[in-house]
Amino acid sequence: MNFNKIVLTTLLVSLSTPVEAATWNFSYNGNEISASGELTTDTAGTLVTSISGARNGVEITGLLPVKSYANNDNIFVPSGNPGFVDILGLSYETNDNIAYNLYYSNTITTNYGECNNIEMPSCNFPYIGNVVSATFNEVPQPSIVLGAFTALAMLGFVSGSLKNKK
């Protein structure tokens, strides 16, 4: 097999890894509010499909369906570097049956707010909730890292084989 075919095959194998859902670590804090955990988006990277973690020490039990609380859409915008939730927000429930909505707002200094169904049963846009600071960091996917190592290993093997033929 000639060198060009080997390199092309190596690149195709390393790039043929299927697209996976993205996973993000999140945390947000405010006056007597501390929440953190992990959220997962669909393969397009925009719709949050699951969430886990804790808010003030109470376990997050799951994501609420779209439009179920605070007119939420559970949209996450990964291109924000770091990513961010949009103005309709991300709604979830905790183990004590309280619904929360984390939302983006350009009218809040920290850009994020949170409302819950105890203090604000309707909490519909435009929201007026608790001011919080939020961060989102992408978790590297194992298949991407493995694909890169596989491609490097194959290229190293090919270049070693070519040196031995000379």
N, C-alpha and C. Protein backbone atom coordinates (compact mmCIF):
# COMPACT_ATOMS: atom_id res chain seq x y z
N MET A 1 0.87 -1.17 0.00
CA MET A 1 0.00 0.00 0.00
C MET A 1 0.91 1.23 0.00
N ASN A 2 0.61 2.21 -0.87
CA ASN A 2 1.50 3.37 -0.89
C ASN A 2 1.17 4.34 0.23
N PHE A 3 2.09 5.24 0.48
CA PHE A 3 2.00 6.17 1.61
C PHE A 3 0.74 7.02 1.57
N ASN A 4 0.37 7.57 0.41
CA ASN A 4 -0.81 8.44 0.30
C ASN A 4 -2.09 7.71 0.70
N LYS A 5 -2.22 6.45 0.28
CA LYS A 5 -3.42 5.68 0.64
C LYS A 5 -3.48 5.43 2.14
N ILE A 6 -2.33 5.17 2.74
CA ILE A 6 -2.28 4.92 4.18
C ILE A 6 -2.67 6.18 4.95
N VAL A 7 -2.14 7.33 4.56
CA VAL A 7 -2.47 8.58 5.23
C VAL A 7 -3.95 8.90 5.06
N LEU A 8 -4.48 8.72 3.85
CA LEU A 8 -5.89 9.00 3.60
C LEU A 8 -6.77 8.07 4.44
N THR A 9 -6.43 6.79 4.49
CA THR A 9 -7.20 5.84 5.30
C THR A 9 -7.16 6.22 6.77
N THR A 10 -5.99 6.61 7.27
CA THR A 10 -5.85 7.02 8.67
C THR A 10 -6.73 8.22 8.98
N LEU A 11 -6.72 9.21 8.09
CA LEU A 11 -7.54 10.40 8.32
C LEU A 11 -9.03 10.08 8.28
N LEU A 12 -9.44 9.24 7.34
CA LEU A 12 -10.86 8.87 7.26
C LEU A 12 -11.32 8.12 8.50
N VAL A 13 -10.49 7.22 9.00
CA VAL A 13 -10.86 6.47 10.21
C VAL A 13 -10.96 7.41 11.40
N SER A 14 -10.03 8.34 11.54
CA SER A 14 -10.05 9.24 12.70
C SER A 14 -11.19 10.24 12.63
N LEU A 15 -11.63 10.59 11.41
CA LEU A 15 -12.72 11.55 11.27
C LEU A 15 -14.09 10.90 11.22
N SER A 16 -14.16 9.59 11.14
CA SER A 16 -15.44 8.91 11.01
C SER A 16 -16.10 8.60 12.35
N THR A 17 -15.55 9.15 13.43
CA THR A 17 -16.17 8.97 14.74
C THR A 17 -17.54 9.62 14.73
N PRO A 18 -18.60 8.92 15.15
CA PRO A 18 -19.93 9.51 15.11
C PRO A 18 -20.04 10.72 16.04
N VAL A 19 -20.88 11.67 15.63
CA VAL A 19 -21.11 12.86 16.45
C VAL A 19 -21.88 12.44 17.69
N GLU A 20 -21.41 12.88 18.83
CA GLU A 20 -22.06 12.54 20.09
C GLU A 20 -22.66 13.79 20.71
N ALA A 21 -23.53 13.55 21.63
CA ALA A 21 -24.08 14.66 22.40
C ALA A 21 -22.96 15.32 23.20
N ALA A 22 -23.07 16.60 23.41
CA ALA A 22 -22.06 17.31 24.19
C ALA A 22 -22.46 17.33 25.66
N THR A 23 -21.47 17.28 26.53
CA THR A 23 -21.70 17.34 27.96
C THR A 23 -21.02 18.60 28.49
N TRP A 24 -21.71 19.30 29.37
CA TRP A 24 -21.21 20.56 29.93
C TRP A 24 -21.31 20.53 31.45
N ASN A 25 -20.26 20.97 32.12
CA ASN A 25 -20.33 21.23 33.56
C ASN A 25 -20.91 22.62 33.72
N PHE A 26 -21.80 22.79 34.68
CA PHE A 26 -22.35 24.11 34.93
C PHE A 26 -22.29 24.41 36.42
N SER A 27 -22.30 25.68 36.72
CA SER A 27 -22.45 26.12 38.11
C SER A 27 -23.03 27.52 38.08
N TYR A 28 -23.83 27.81 39.08
CA TYR A 28 -24.29 29.18 39.23
C TYR A 28 -24.52 29.48 40.70
N ASN A 29 -24.28 30.73 41.05
CA ASN A 29 -24.34 31.17 42.44
C ASN A 29 -24.97 32.54 42.53
N GLY A 30 -25.64 32.78 43.64
CA GLY A 30 -26.24 34.07 43.92
C GLY A 30 -26.47 34.17 45.41
N ASN A 31 -27.30 35.11 45.82
CA ASN A 31 -27.60 35.30 47.23
C ASN A 31 -28.30 34.05 47.78
N GLU A 32 -27.59 33.28 48.60
CA GLU A 32 -28.09 32.03 49.19
C GLU A 32 -28.46 30.98 48.15
N ILE A 33 -27.84 31.05 46.96
CA ILE A 33 -28.08 30.07 45.90
C ILE A 33 -26.75 29.51 45.44
N SER A 34 -26.67 28.19 45.39
CA SER A 34 -25.48 27.53 44.86
C SER A 34 -25.92 26.25 44.14
N ALA A 35 -25.72 26.21 42.83
CA ALA A 35 -26.11 25.05 42.04
C ALA A 35 -24.96 24.65 41.13
N SER A 36 -24.79 23.35 40.94
CA SER A 36 -23.77 22.87 40.02
C SER A 36 -24.11 21.46 39.57
N GLY A 37 -23.52 21.06 38.46
CA GLY A 37 -23.76 19.72 37.94
C GLY A 37 -23.33 19.61 36.50
N GLU A 38 -24.08 18.77 35.79
CA GLU A 38 -23.73 18.46 34.41
C GLU A 38 -25.00 18.48 33.57
N LEU A 39 -24.90 19.03 32.36
CA LEU A 39 -26.02 18.96 31.44
C LEU A 39 -25.53 18.39 30.13
N THR A 40 -26.45 17.71 29.44
CA THR A 40 -26.12 17.07 28.16
C THR A 40 -27.04 17.65 27.10
N THR A 41 -26.47 17.92 25.92
CA THR A 41 -27.25 18.42 24.81
C THR A 41 -27.40 17.34 23.75
N ASP A 42 -28.35 17.54 22.84
CA ASP A 42 -28.53 16.61 21.72
C ASP A 42 -27.34 16.71 20.78
N THR A 43 -27.32 15.89 19.72
CA THR A 43 -26.17 15.87 18.81
C THR A 43 -26.01 17.19 18.06
N ALA A 44 -27.09 17.95 17.91
CA ALA A 44 -26.97 19.28 17.30
C ALA A 44 -26.33 20.26 18.26
N GLY A 45 -26.32 19.93 19.56
CA GLY A 45 -25.66 20.75 20.56
C GLY A 45 -26.46 21.92 21.07
N THR A 46 -27.78 21.94 20.82
CA THR A 46 -28.55 23.10 21.24
C THR A 46 -29.69 22.78 22.21
N LEU A 47 -30.24 21.60 22.19
CA LEU A 47 -31.35 21.27 23.09
C LEU A 47 -30.81 20.44 24.25
N VAL A 48 -31.04 20.92 25.47
CA VAL A 48 -30.60 20.18 26.64
C VAL A 48 -31.52 18.96 26.79
N THR A 49 -30.91 17.77 26.90
CA THR A 49 -31.68 16.53 26.99
C THR A 49 -31.65 15.92 28.39
N SER A 50 -30.67 16.31 29.20
CA SER A 50 -30.63 15.81 30.58
C SER A 50 -29.81 16.75 31.45
N ILE A 51 -30.06 16.64 32.75
CA ILE A 51 -29.34 17.47 33.72
C ILE A 51 -29.21 16.67 35.01
N SER A 52 -28.09 16.86 35.69
CA SER A 52 -27.88 16.23 37.00
C SER A 52 -27.06 17.18 37.85
N GLY A 53 -27.06 16.96 39.14
CA GLY A 53 -26.30 17.82 40.04
C GLY A 53 -27.09 18.12 41.29
N ALA A 54 -26.84 19.29 41.86
CA ALA A 54 -27.53 19.69 43.10
C ALA A 54 -27.68 21.20 43.15
N ARG A 55 -28.74 21.63 43.82
CA ARG A 55 -28.97 23.04 44.09
C ARG A 55 -29.13 23.18 45.60
N ASN A 56 -28.24 23.96 46.21
CA ASN A 56 -28.22 24.13 47.67
C ASN A 56 -28.27 22.79 48.39
N GLY A 57 -27.52 21.83 47.88
CA GLY A 57 -27.41 20.52 48.51
C GLY A 57 -28.56 19.57 48.23
N VAL A 58 -29.56 20.00 47.48
CA VAL A 58 -30.70 19.15 47.14
C VAL A 58 -30.50 18.63 45.72
N GLU A 59 -30.64 17.33 45.55
CA GLU A 59 -30.38 16.68 44.26
C GLU A 59 -31.32 17.20 43.17
N ILE A 60 -30.73 17.45 42.00
CA ILE A 60 -31.52 17.78 40.81
C ILE A 60 -32.01 16.45 40.26
N THR A 61 -33.34 16.29 40.16
CA THR A 61 -33.90 15.00 39.73
C THR A 61 -34.14 14.92 38.24
N GLY A 62 -34.18 16.04 37.55
CA GLY A 62 -34.33 15.96 36.10
C GLY A 62 -34.77 17.26 35.45
N LEU A 63 -34.66 17.23 34.15
CA LEU A 63 -35.04 18.33 33.29
C LEU A 63 -36.56 18.36 33.17
N LEU A 64 -37.14 19.55 33.16
CA LEU A 64 -38.58 19.67 32.95
C LEU A 64 -38.85 19.80 31.45
N PRO A 65 -39.97 19.27 30.97
CA PRO A 65 -40.28 19.37 29.54
C PRO A 65 -40.38 20.82 29.08
N VAL A 66 -40.12 21.05 27.80
CA VAL A 66 -40.22 22.38 27.20
C VAL A 66 -41.63 22.94 27.44
N LYS A 67 -41.68 24.23 27.78
CA LYS A 67 -42.91 24.99 28.05
C LYS A 67 -43.64 24.54 29.31
N SER A 68 -43.00 23.75 30.18
CA SER A 68 -43.70 23.27 31.37
C SER A 68 -43.60 24.24 32.55
N TYR A 69 -42.52 25.00 32.64
CA TYR A 69 -42.40 26.00 33.69
C TYR A 69 -41.67 27.20 33.14
N ALA A 70 -42.21 28.37 33.38
CA ALA A 70 -41.60 29.63 32.97
C ALA A 70 -41.45 29.75 31.46
N ASN A 71 -42.30 29.05 30.72
CA ASN A 71 -42.25 29.09 29.25
C ASN A 71 -40.87 28.67 28.73
N ASN A 72 -40.20 27.80 29.48
CA ASN A 72 -38.84 27.38 29.15
C ASN A 72 -38.75 26.70 27.79
N ASP A 73 -37.56 26.79 27.19
CA ASP A 73 -37.32 26.06 25.94
C ASP A 73 -36.13 25.11 26.04
N ASN A 74 -35.40 25.15 27.17
CA ASN A 74 -34.25 24.27 27.42
C ASN A 74 -33.20 24.34 26.30
N ILE A 75 -33.04 25.53 25.73
CA ILE A 75 -32.06 25.74 24.67
C ILE A 75 -30.74 26.18 25.30
N PHE A 76 -29.67 25.58 24.82
CA PHE A 76 -28.32 25.94 25.24
C PHE A 76 -27.55 26.37 24.01
N VAL A 77 -26.87 27.47 24.07
CA VAL A 77 -26.13 27.99 22.93
C VAL A 77 -24.64 27.73 23.17
N PRO A 78 -24.08 26.69 22.53
CA PRO A 78 -22.69 26.32 22.81
C PRO A 78 -21.66 27.29 22.23
N SER A 79 -22.04 28.11 21.26
CA SER A 79 -21.07 28.98 20.59
C SER A 79 -20.74 30.23 21.38
N GLY A 80 -21.29 30.38 22.55
CA GLY A 80 -21.04 31.58 23.35
C GLY A 80 -19.63 31.66 23.91
N ASN A 81 -18.91 30.56 23.96
CA ASN A 81 -17.54 30.45 24.43
C ASN A 81 -17.29 31.22 25.73
N PRO A 82 -17.70 30.79 26.88
CA PRO A 82 -18.38 29.50 27.04
C PRO A 82 -19.85 29.62 26.66
N GLY A 83 -20.51 28.49 26.58
CA GLY A 83 -21.91 28.45 26.19
C GLY A 83 -22.82 29.15 27.20
N PHE A 84 -24.07 29.30 26.82
CA PHE A 84 -25.03 29.93 27.72
C PHE A 84 -26.45 29.45 27.41
N VAL A 85 -27.34 29.56 28.39
CA VAL A 85 -28.75 29.29 28.15
C VAL A 85 -29.38 30.55 27.58
N ASP A 86 -30.50 30.41 26.88
CA ASP A 86 -31.12 31.58 26.26
C ASP A 86 -32.11 32.27 27.20
N ILE A 87 -32.85 33.24 26.68
CA ILE A 87 -33.73 34.06 27.53
C ILE A 87 -34.93 33.31 28.09
N LEU A 88 -35.38 32.24 27.43
CA LEU A 88 -36.50 31.47 27.97
C LEU A 88 -36.04 30.47 29.03
N GLY A 89 -34.78 30.13 28.99
CA GLY A 89 -34.17 29.39 30.07
C GLY A 89 -34.27 27.88 30.04
N LEU A 90 -33.64 27.34 31.05
CA LEU A 90 -33.50 25.91 31.27
C LEU A 90 -34.21 25.59 32.58
N SER A 91 -35.21 24.72 32.53
CA SER A 91 -35.98 24.40 33.74
C SER A 91 -35.72 22.98 34.20
N TYR A 92 -35.57 22.84 35.51
CA TYR A 92 -35.34 21.52 36.11
C TYR A 92 -36.05 21.44 37.44
N GLU A 93 -36.12 20.24 37.98
CA GLU A 93 -36.76 20.02 39.27
C GLU A 93 -35.78 19.37 40.22
N THR A 94 -35.95 19.67 41.50
CA THR A 94 -35.10 19.07 42.53
C THR A 94 -35.88 18.03 43.32
N ASN A 95 -35.17 17.30 44.14
CA ASN A 95 -35.74 16.21 44.93
C ASN A 95 -36.87 16.64 45.87
N ASP A 96 -36.92 17.93 46.19
CA ASP A 96 -38.00 18.44 47.06
C ASP A 96 -39.17 19.00 46.25
N ASN A 97 -39.25 18.60 44.96
CA ASN A 97 -40.36 18.96 44.05
C ASN A 97 -40.49 20.46 43.78
N ILE A 98 -39.38 21.17 43.75
CA ILE A 98 -39.40 22.58 43.39
C ILE A 98 -38.84 22.71 41.98
N ALA A 99 -39.52 23.47 41.14
CA ALA A 99 -39.07 23.72 39.78
C ALA A 99 -38.26 25.01 39.75
N TYR A 100 -37.17 25.00 39.01
CA TYR A 100 -36.30 26.17 38.86
C TYR A 100 -36.11 26.46 37.38
N ASN A 101 -35.90 27.72 37.05
CA ASN A 101 -35.59 28.13 35.69
C ASN A 101 -34.39 29.05 35.73
N LEU A 102 -33.31 28.64 35.07
CA LEU A 102 -32.11 29.47 34.91
C LEU A 102 -32.21 30.11 33.54
N TYR A 103 -32.11 31.42 33.46
CA TYR A 103 -32.32 32.11 32.19
C TYR A 103 -31.27 33.20 31.99
N TYR A 104 -31.07 33.56 30.73
CA TYR A 104 -30.17 34.63 30.34
C TYR A 104 -30.95 35.94 30.24
N SER A 105 -30.34 37.02 30.69
CA SER A 105 -30.96 38.33 30.57
C SER A 105 -29.88 39.39 30.38
N ASN A 106 -30.00 40.17 29.34
CA ASN A 106 -29.00 41.24 29.13
C ASN A 106 -29.31 42.47 29.99
N THR A 107 -30.39 42.43 30.78
CA THR A 107 -30.70 43.55 31.67
C THR A 107 -30.14 43.34 33.08
N ILE A 108 -29.62 42.14 33.34
CA ILE A 108 -29.03 41.83 34.64
C ILE A 108 -27.52 41.94 34.52
N THR A 109 -26.88 42.56 35.47
CA THR A 109 -25.42 42.76 35.41
C THR A 109 -24.66 41.45 35.21
N THR A 110 -25.08 40.40 35.88
CA THR A 110 -24.38 39.12 35.77
C THR A 110 -24.84 38.31 34.56
N ASN A 111 -25.86 38.79 33.86
CA ASN A 111 -26.46 38.15 32.68
C ASN A 111 -27.33 36.94 32.97
N TYR A 112 -27.47 36.54 34.23
CA TYR A 112 -28.30 35.37 34.54
C TYR A 112 -29.23 35.64 35.71
N GLY A 113 -30.38 34.98 35.66
CA GLY A 113 -31.32 35.03 36.75
C GLY A 113 -31.91 33.65 36.96
N GLU A 114 -32.55 33.48 38.10
CA GLU A 114 -33.20 32.21 38.41
C GLU A 114 -34.52 32.50 39.08
N CYS A 115 -35.55 31.77 38.69
CA CYS A 115 -36.83 31.85 39.39
C CYS A 115 -37.24 30.43 39.77
N ASN A 116 -38.20 30.33 40.71
CA ASN A 116 -38.69 29.01 41.11
C ASN A 116 -40.19 29.08 41.30
N ASN A 117 -40.83 27.92 41.28
CA ASN A 117 -42.30 27.89 41.33
C ASN A 117 -42.88 28.12 42.72
N ILE A 118 -42.06 28.29 43.73
CA ILE A 118 -42.55 28.61 45.07
C ILE A 118 -42.69 30.12 45.21
N GLU A 119 -41.62 30.85 44.87
CA GLU A 119 -41.64 32.31 44.96
C GLU A 119 -42.39 32.96 43.80
N MET A 120 -42.33 32.34 42.62
CA MET A 120 -42.94 32.91 41.42
C MET A 120 -43.62 31.79 40.62
N PRO A 121 -44.84 31.45 40.97
CA PRO A 121 -45.53 30.34 40.30
C PRO A 121 -45.61 30.47 38.78
N SER A 122 -45.77 31.69 38.25
CA SER A 122 -45.86 31.83 36.80
C SER A 122 -44.51 32.07 36.15
N CYS A 123 -43.69 32.92 36.72
CA CYS A 123 -42.31 33.21 36.26
C CYS A 123 -42.19 33.21 34.74
N ASN A 124 -43.03 33.97 34.06
CA ASN A 124 -42.96 34.02 32.61
C ASN A 124 -42.19 35.24 32.13
N PHE A 125 -41.65 35.15 30.93
CA PHE A 125 -40.85 36.20 30.33
C PHE A 125 -41.64 37.50 30.25
N PRO A 126 -41.10 38.69 30.53
CA PRO A 126 -39.74 38.89 31.03
C PRO A 126 -39.65 38.57 32.52
N TYR A 127 -38.65 37.79 32.84
CA TYR A 127 -38.50 37.30 34.21
C TYR A 127 -37.98 38.39 35.14
N ILE A 128 -38.36 38.28 36.38
CA ILE A 128 -37.76 39.08 37.44
C ILE A 128 -37.50 38.09 38.56
N GLY A 129 -36.30 37.58 38.62
CA GLY A 129 -35.98 36.56 39.60
C GLY A 129 -34.75 36.90 40.40
N ASN A 130 -34.13 35.89 40.96
CA ASN A 130 -32.90 36.06 41.72
C ASN A 130 -31.72 36.22 40.76
N VAL A 131 -30.85 37.17 41.04
CA VAL A 131 -29.67 37.40 40.22
C VAL A 131 -28.61 36.37 40.58
N VAL A 132 -28.06 35.71 39.55
CA VAL A 132 -27.01 34.71 39.77
C VAL A 132 -25.90 34.89 38.73
N SER A 133 -24.73 34.36 39.05
CA SER A 133 -23.61 34.29 38.11
C SER A 133 -23.48 32.84 37.68
N ALA A 134 -23.35 32.59 36.37
CA ALA A 134 -23.31 31.22 35.87
C ALA A 134 -22.10 30.98 34.98
N THR A 135 -21.59 29.75 35.02
CA THR A 135 -20.50 29.34 34.13
C THR A 135 -20.83 27.97 33.54
N PHE A 136 -20.38 27.76 32.30
CA PHE A 136 -20.57 26.51 31.59
C PHE A 136 -19.24 26.13 30.94
N ASN A 137 -18.79 24.89 31.15
CA ASN A 137 -17.53 24.42 30.57
C ASN A 137 -17.76 23.06 29.92
N GLU A 138 -17.37 22.92 28.65
CA GLU A 138 -17.57 21.66 27.94
C GLU A 138 -16.65 20.58 28.48
N VAL A 139 -17.20 19.37 28.58
CA VAL A 139 -16.44 18.20 29.01
C VAL A 139 -15.95 17.50 27.74
N PRO A 140 -14.63 17.29 27.57
CA PRO A 140 -14.14 16.63 26.36
C PRO A 140 -14.73 15.22 26.22
N GLN A 141 -15.12 14.87 24.99
CA GLN A 141 -15.69 13.55 24.72
C GLN A 141 -14.58 12.52 24.57
N PRO A 142 -14.68 11.36 25.23
CA PRO A 142 -13.65 10.34 25.14
C PRO A 142 -13.40 9.85 23.72
N SER A 143 -14.44 9.76 22.90
CA SER A 143 -14.26 9.25 21.54
C SER A 143 -13.41 10.19 20.69
N ILE A 144 -13.52 11.50 20.93
CA ILE A 144 -12.72 12.46 20.18
C ILE A 144 -11.25 12.32 20.56
N VAL A 145 -10.99 12.22 21.85
CA VAL A 145 -9.61 12.05 22.32
C VAL A 145 -9.04 10.73 21.81
N LEU A 146 -9.82 9.66 21.90
CA LEU A 146 -9.37 8.35 21.42
C LEU A 146 -9.10 8.37 19.92
N GLY A 147 -9.97 9.05 19.15
CA GLY A 147 -9.77 9.16 17.70
C GLY A 147 -8.48 9.88 17.36
N ALA A 148 -8.17 10.93 18.09
CA ALA A 148 -6.93 11.68 17.85
C ALA A 148 -5.70 10.82 18.16
N PHE A 149 -5.74 10.09 19.28
CA PHE A 149 -4.62 9.21 19.62
C PHE A 149 -4.45 8.09 18.61
N THR A 150 -5.57 7.54 18.12
CA THR A 150 -5.52 6.47 17.12
C THR A 150 -4.88 6.98 15.84
N ALA A 151 -5.29 8.17 15.40
CA ALA A 151 -4.72 8.75 14.18
C ALA A 151 -3.22 8.99 14.34
N LEU A 152 -2.79 9.51 15.48
CA LEU A 152 -1.35 9.74 15.71
C LEU A 152 -0.58 8.42 15.75
N ALA A 153 -1.15 7.42 16.40
CA ALA A 153 -0.48 6.12 16.47
C ALA A 153 -0.32 5.50 15.09
N MET A 154 -1.37 5.60 14.26
CA MET A 154 -1.30 5.03 12.91
C MET A 154 -0.27 5.78 12.06
N LEU A 155 -0.22 7.09 12.19
CA LEU A 155 0.77 7.86 11.43
C LEU A 155 2.19 7.51 11.89
N GLY A 156 2.37 7.32 13.19
CA GLY A 156 3.68 6.92 13.70
C GLY A 156 4.09 5.55 13.18
N PHE A 157 3.15 4.61 13.14
CA PHE A 157 3.41 3.28 12.62
C PHE A 157 3.79 3.33 11.15
N VAL A 158 3.06 4.12 10.36
CA VAL A 158 3.32 4.24 8.93
C VAL A 158 4.69 4.85 8.69
N SER A 159 5.02 5.91 9.39
CA SER A 159 6.32 6.56 9.16
C SER A 159 7.46 5.63 9.59
N GLY A 160 7.24 4.86 10.66
CA GLY A 160 8.25 3.87 11.08
C GLY A 160 8.43 2.78 10.04
N SER A 161 7.34 2.32 9.43
CA SER A 161 7.39 1.29 8.40
C SER A 161 8.12 1.80 7.17
N LEU A 162 7.90 3.07 6.82
CA LEU A 162 8.57 3.63 5.65
C LEU A 162 10.08 3.77 5.90
N LYS A 163 10.49 4.10 7.11
CA LYS A 163 11.92 4.21 7.41
C LYS A 163 12.58 2.85 7.32
N ASN A 164 11.91 1.79 7.74
CA ASN A 164 12.48 0.44 7.70
C ASN A 164 12.61 -0.07 6.27
N LYS A 165 11.81 0.43 5.32
CA LYS A 165 11.88 -0.02 3.94
C LYS A 165 13.07 0.59 3.21
N LYS A 166 13.59 1.71 3.70
CA LYS A 166 14.68 2.40 3.01
C LYS A 166 15.98 1.70 3.18
